[in-house]
Amino acid sequence: MTTNNSQFANFILDRLKEAYSMKYDAELAKFLGKDPSTISTWRRRNTIDYNLIFTKCHDLNANFIIHGDLPIKRDAVEKNPDHISEQKIEYQTQNIIYKIDNLTLAPDEKIALLKMYLNLLEEKESSKKS
């Protein structure tokens, strides 16, 4: 799945480099298993492969990847569950859904993003039960 929202791909790629302490796009390309020219193409066309990003960056908070919201790592939230109230979690979920809905994407791309987000929530819940 790809999107071509103006500059959106650049922000996401830069966030990934920040999260993994990478300086160059070539490092990010290697991490993602792509040729460096692919990253350049994504930047130039303002497109991104969300399936690849969410698969390879499963340790990152989806809110951070898409919007830059903290915390960067998913486990930062999971390590301190008492720190985040149920109301705040509900607000964050509603906010993510709202932000995804307002992206300039085709409906099927929005649905795919929402499904990925739901999968992340399910994983989080199942890890709490373990």
Protein backbone atom coordinates (compact mmCIF):
# COMPACT_ATOMS: atom_id res chain seq x y z
CA MET A 1 0.00 0.00 0.00
CA THR A 2 1.25 3.44 -0.82
CA THR A 3 0.17 7.02 -0.35
CA ASN A 4 1.23 10.19 -2.10
CA ASN A 5 0.26 12.87 0.41
CA SER A 6 2.64 15.80 -0.21
CA GLN A 7 5.75 15.50 1.98
CA PHE A 8 4.13 12.77 4.10
CA ALA A 9 6.60 10.09 3.01
CA ASN A 10 9.55 12.35 3.85
CA PHE A 11 8.30 12.86 7.40
CA ILE A 12 7.79 9.13 7.96
CA LEU A 13 11.19 8.20 6.53
CA ASP A 14 12.89 10.86 8.65
CA ARG A 15 11.07 9.59 11.77
CA LEU A 16 12.28 6.06 11.07
CA LYS A 17 15.86 7.27 10.75
CA GLU A 18 15.47 9.20 14.01
CA ALA A 19 13.99 6.21 15.84
CA TYR A 20 16.82 3.92 14.78
CA SER A 21 19.60 6.54 15.08
CA MET A 22 20.37 6.48 11.37
CA LYS A 23 21.95 9.38 9.57
CA TYR A 24 21.62 8.35 5.93
CA ASP A 25 18.85 7.02 3.71
CA ALA A 26 21.21 4.23 2.64
CA GLU A 27 21.19 2.92 6.22
CA LEU A 28 17.41 2.97 6.26
CA ALA A 29 17.27 1.22 2.89
CA LYS A 30 19.53 -1.55 4.18
CA PHE A 31 17.41 -1.94 7.32
CA LEU A 32 14.23 -2.18 5.21
CA GLY A 33 15.88 -4.60 2.76
CA LYS A 34 15.50 -2.17 -0.13
CA ASP A 35 17.87 -0.56 -2.59
CA PRO A 36 18.80 3.04 -1.67
CA SER A 37 17.21 4.17 -4.92
CA THR A 38 13.86 2.93 -3.60
CA ILE A 39 14.04 5.37 -0.69
CA SER A 40 14.95 8.16 -3.10
CA THR A 41 11.99 7.23 -5.27
CA TRP A 42 9.64 7.22 -2.26
CA ARG A 43 10.87 10.69 -1.32
CA ARG A 44 10.58 12.02 -4.86
CA ARG A 45 7.12 10.56 -5.49
CA ASN A 46 5.89 11.11 -1.90
CA THR A 47 4.91 7.45 -1.63
CA ILE A 48 5.66 4.84 0.97
CA ASP A 49 5.13 1.09 1.44
CA TYR A 50 3.18 0.94 4.71
CA ASN A 51 3.08 -2.86 4.77
CA LEU A 52 6.87 -2.98 4.70
CA ILE A 53 7.26 -0.16 7.24
CA PHE A 54 4.86 -1.69 9.78
CA THR A 55 6.35 -5.15 9.28
CA LYS A 56 9.98 -4.08 9.71
CA CYS A 57 9.31 -1.44 12.39
CA HIS A 58 6.97 -3.47 14.59
CA ASP A 59 8.76 -2.20 17.71
CA LEU A 60 7.81 1.42 16.98
CA ASN A 61 4.67 3.13 18.16
CA ALA A 62 2.29 3.48 15.19
CA ASN A 63 1.39 6.99 16.38
CA PHE A 64 5.04 7.94 16.14
CA ILE A 65 5.48 6.49 12.65
CA ILE A 66 2.41 8.19 11.22
CA HIS A 67 2.19 11.42 13.22
CA GLY A 68 5.38 11.81 15.22
CA ASP A 69 3.57 11.40 18.54
CA LEU A 70 5.61 10.15 21.49
CA PRO A 71 6.63 7.67 22.76
CA ILE A 72 8.75 6.36 19.91
CA LYS A 73 8.86 2.73 21.02
CA ARG A 74 5.75 0.64 21.68
CA ASP A 75 7.24 -0.94 24.79
CA ALA A 76 7.60 2.49 26.45
CA VAL A 77 3.83 2.51 26.82
CA GLU A 78 3.63 -1.18 27.72
CA LYS A 79 6.28 -0.96 30.47
CA ASN A 80 4.32 1.67 32.38
CA PRO A 81 0.65 0.76 31.89
CA ASP A 82 -0.37 2.53 35.11
CA HIS A 83 1.00 5.78 33.71
CA ILE A 84 -1.62 5.91 30.98
CA SER A 85 -5.26 6.03 32.01
CA GLU A 86 -7.99 4.24 30.12
CA GLN A 87 -9.44 7.59 29.05
CA LYS A 88 -6.14 8.66 27.55
CA ILE A 89 -5.83 5.37 25.64
CA GLU A 90 -9.37 5.78 24.32
CA TYR A 91 -8.57 9.36 23.28
CA GLN A 92 -5.39 8.23 21.52
CA THR A 93 -7.30 5.55 19.61
CA GLN A 94 -9.97 8.01 18.56
CA ASN A 95 -7.27 10.49 17.56
CA ILE A 96 -5.45 7.91 15.42
CA ILE A 97 -8.69 6.91 13.69
CA TYR A 98 -9.52 10.58 13.07
CA LYS A 99 -6.04 11.30 11.69
CA ILE A 100 -6.09 8.26 9.40
CA ASP A 101 -9.55 9.23 8.16
CA ASN A 102 -8.29 12.73 7.28
CA LEU A 103 -5.29 11.54 5.27
CA THR A 104 -5.41 12.07 1.53
CA LEU A 105 -5.60 8.37 0.73
CA ALA A 106 -7.83 6.05 -1.22
CA PRO A 107 -10.49 4.40 0.98
CA ASP A 108 -8.85 0.96 0.67
CA GLU A 109 -5.54 2.43 1.91
CA LYS A 110 -7.30 3.99 4.92
CA ILE A 111 -8.94 0.66 5.70
CA ALA A 112 -5.58 -1.12 5.47
CA LEU A 113 -4.01 1.40 7.89
CA LEU A 114 -6.91 0.99 10.31
CA LYS A 115 -6.57 -2.80 10.14
CA MET A 116 -2.85 -2.51 10.90
CA TYR A 117 -3.63 -0.29 13.86
CA LEU A 118 -6.22 -2.77 15.14
CA ASN A 119 -3.67 -5.58 14.83
CA LEU A 120 -1.23 -3.55 16.93
CA LEU A 121 -3.93 -3.03 19.58
CA GLU A 122 -4.74 -6.75 19.59
CA GLU A 123 -1.05 -7.63 20.01
CA LYS A 124 -0.80 -5.20 22.90
CA GLU A 125 -3.85 -6.70 24.61
CA SER A 126 -2.65 -10.26 24.12
CA SER A 127 0.77 -9.40 25.58
CA LYS A 128 -0.94 -7.93 28.67
CA LYS A 129 -2.73 -11.25 29.22
CA SER A 130 0.51 -13.25 28.99
